[in-house]
Amino acid sequence: MERLGGYWLFNLRTKYKLTDNIELFGKVNNILGRKYKTFGTFADADEVLGDNYSNRRFVAPGTPREAFIGIKVSY
């Protein structure tokens, strides 16, 4: 069984302070949209997926590209 491959991710985070109490922020994860796997294990697949499925390897996909923006207000 082949091993899970390594991967590099590029993320970006920024913030801008409007006043002493208000800050704008933004974040983008996985800028390049890389497809990767974060975890792998073996299990009896036929118990869940039925008799036609014989591959015992399960992998968890990594998070796709995502972006966030927001406002932080402090008192």
C-alpha atoms as a PDB file:
ATOM      1  CA  MET A   1       0.000   0.000   0.000  1.00  0.00           C
ATOM      2  CA  GLU A   2       1.435   3.392  -0.929  1.00  0.00           C
ATOM      3  CA  ARG A   3       2.062   6.045   1.705  1.00  0.00           C
ATOM      4  CA  LEU A   4       0.215   9.352   1.850  1.00  0.00           C
ATOM      5  CA  GLY A   5       2.258  12.003   0.081  1.00  0.00           C
ATOM      6  CA  GLY A   6       3.588  15.172   1.649  1.00  0.00           C
ATOM      7  CA  TYR A   7       2.150  18.564   0.779  1.00  0.00           C
ATOM      8  CA  TRP A   8       2.735  22.319   1.067  1.00  0.00           C
ATOM      9  CA  LEU A   9      -0.041  24.833   1.619  1.00  0.00           C
ATOM     10  CA  PHE A  10       0.064  28.584   1.079  1.00  0.00           C
ATOM     11  CA  ASN A  11      -2.174  30.695   3.301  1.00  0.00           C
ATOM     12  CA  LEU A  12      -2.589  34.465   3.613  1.00  0.00           C
ATOM     13  CA  ARG A  13      -3.790  36.556   6.550  1.00  0.00           C
ATOM     14  CA  THR A  14      -4.076  40.328   6.833  1.00  0.00           C
ATOM     15  CA  LYS A  15      -5.627  42.928   9.109  1.00  0.00           C
ATOM     16  CA  TYR A  16      -6.149  46.678   9.039  1.00  0.00           C
ATOM     17  CA  LYS A  17      -6.841  48.794  12.110  1.00  0.00           C
ATOM     18  CA  LEU A  18      -9.466  51.469  11.324  1.00  0.00           C
ATOM     19  CA  THR A  19      -9.586  52.964  14.828  1.00  0.00           C
ATOM     20  CA  ASP A  20      -8.339  51.994  18.284  1.00  0.00           C
ATOM     21  CA  ASN A  21     -11.437  49.794  18.665  1.00  0.00           C
ATOM     22  CA  ILE A  22     -12.214  48.554  15.123  1.00  0.00           C
ATOM     23  CA  GLU A  23     -10.145  46.207  12.990  1.00  0.00           C
ATOM     24  CA  LEU A  24     -10.868  44.626   9.577  1.00  0.00           C
ATOM     25  CA  PHE A  25      -9.364  41.213   8.848  1.00  0.00           C
ATOM     26  CA  GLY A  26      -9.177  38.693   6.036  1.00  0.00           C
ATOM     27  CA  LYS A  27      -7.784  35.207   5.588  1.00  0.00           C
ATOM     28  CA  VAL A  28      -7.393  32.793   2.652  1.00  0.00           C
ATOM     29  CA  ASN A  29      -6.336  29.179   3.248  1.00  0.00           C
ATOM     30  CA  ASN A  30      -4.963  26.884   0.540  1.00  0.00           C
ATOM     31  CA  ILE A  31      -4.591  29.728  -1.968  1.00  0.00           C
ATOM     32  CA  LEU A  32      -3.463  27.395  -4.776  1.00  0.00           C
ATOM     33  CA  GLY A  33      -6.397  24.997  -4.287  1.00  0.00           C
ATOM     34  CA  ARG A  34      -4.108  22.020  -3.597  1.00  0.00           C
ATOM     35  CA  LYS A  35      -5.812  18.613  -3.234  1.00  0.00           C
ATOM     36  CA  TYR A  36      -4.215  16.623  -0.416  1.00  0.00           C
ATOM     37  CA  LYS A  37      -4.952  13.947   2.160  1.00  0.00           C
ATOM     38  CA  THR A  38      -4.456  14.527   5.885  1.00  0.00           C
ATOM     39  CA  PHE A  39      -5.097  11.094   7.388  1.00  0.00           C
ATOM     40  CA  GLY A  40      -5.275   7.454   6.370  1.00  0.00           C
ATOM     41  CA  THR A  41      -6.447   4.252   8.047  1.00  0.00           C
ATOM     42  CA  PHE A  42      -7.579   0.707   7.285  1.00  0.00           C
ATOM     43  CA  ALA A  43     -10.991  -0.743   8.127  1.00  0.00           C
ATOM     44  CA  ASP A  44     -13.514  -3.306   6.916  1.00  0.00           C
ATOM     45  CA  ALA A  45     -15.221  -1.288   4.198  1.00  0.00           C
ATOM     46  CA  ASP A  46     -17.802  -3.915   3.298  1.00  0.00           C
ATOM     47  CA  GLU A  47     -19.519  -3.488   6.678  1.00  0.00           C
ATOM     48  CA  VAL A  48     -20.514   0.055   5.740  1.00  0.00           C
ATOM     49  CA  LEU A  49     -20.381   0.234   1.944  1.00  0.00           C
ATOM     50  CA  GLY A  50     -21.598  -3.261   1.021  1.00  0.00           C
ATOM     51  CA  ASP A  51     -20.009  -6.388  -0.435  1.00  0.00           C
ATOM     52  CA  ASN A  52     -18.944  -4.745  -3.719  1.00  0.00           C
ATOM     53  CA  TYR A  53     -16.363  -2.548  -1.978  1.00  0.00           C
ATOM     54  CA  SER A  54     -13.117  -4.338  -1.133  1.00  0.00           C
ATOM     55  CA  ASN A  55     -10.586  -1.502  -0.713  1.00  0.00           C
ATOM     56  CA  ARG A  56      -9.808  -1.334   3.023  1.00  0.00           C
ATOM     57  CA  ARG A  57      -7.991   2.012   2.792  1.00  0.00           C
ATOM     58  CA  PHE A  58      -9.792   5.163   3.927  1.00  0.00           C
ATOM     59  CA  VAL A  59      -8.287   8.655   3.572  1.00  0.00           C
ATOM     60  CA  ALA A  60      -9.464  12.062   4.763  1.00  0.00           C
ATOM     61  CA  PRO A  61      -9.289  14.869   2.187  1.00  0.00           C
ATOM     62  CA  GLY A  62      -7.683  18.157   3.168  1.00  0.00           C
ATOM     63  CA  THR A  63      -9.614  21.391   3.367  1.00  0.00           C
ATOM     64  CA  PRO A  64     -10.181  23.042  -0.039  1.00  0.00           C
ATOM     65  CA  ARG A  65      -9.567  26.731  -0.669  1.00  0.00           C
ATOM     66  CA  GLU A  66     -11.525  28.866   1.797  1.00  0.00           C
ATOM     67  CA  ALA A  67     -11.723  32.589   2.540  1.00  0.00           C
ATOM     68  CA  PHE A  68     -12.909  34.624   5.515  1.00  0.00           C
ATOM     69  CA  ILE A  69     -13.435  38.336   6.104  1.00  0.00           C
ATOM     70  CA  GLY A  70     -14.644  40.111   9.209  1.00  0.00           C
ATOM     71  CA  ILE A  71     -14.689  43.042  11.578  1.00  0.00           C
ATOM     72  CA  LYS A  72     -13.327  42.930  15.119  1.00  0.00           C
ATOM     73  CA  VAL A  73     -14.691  45.455  17.615  1.00  0.00           C
ATOM     74  CA  SER A  74     -12.990  45.837  21.022  1.00  0.00           C
ATOM     75  CA  TYR A  75     -14.371  47.620  24.071  1.00  0.00           C
END
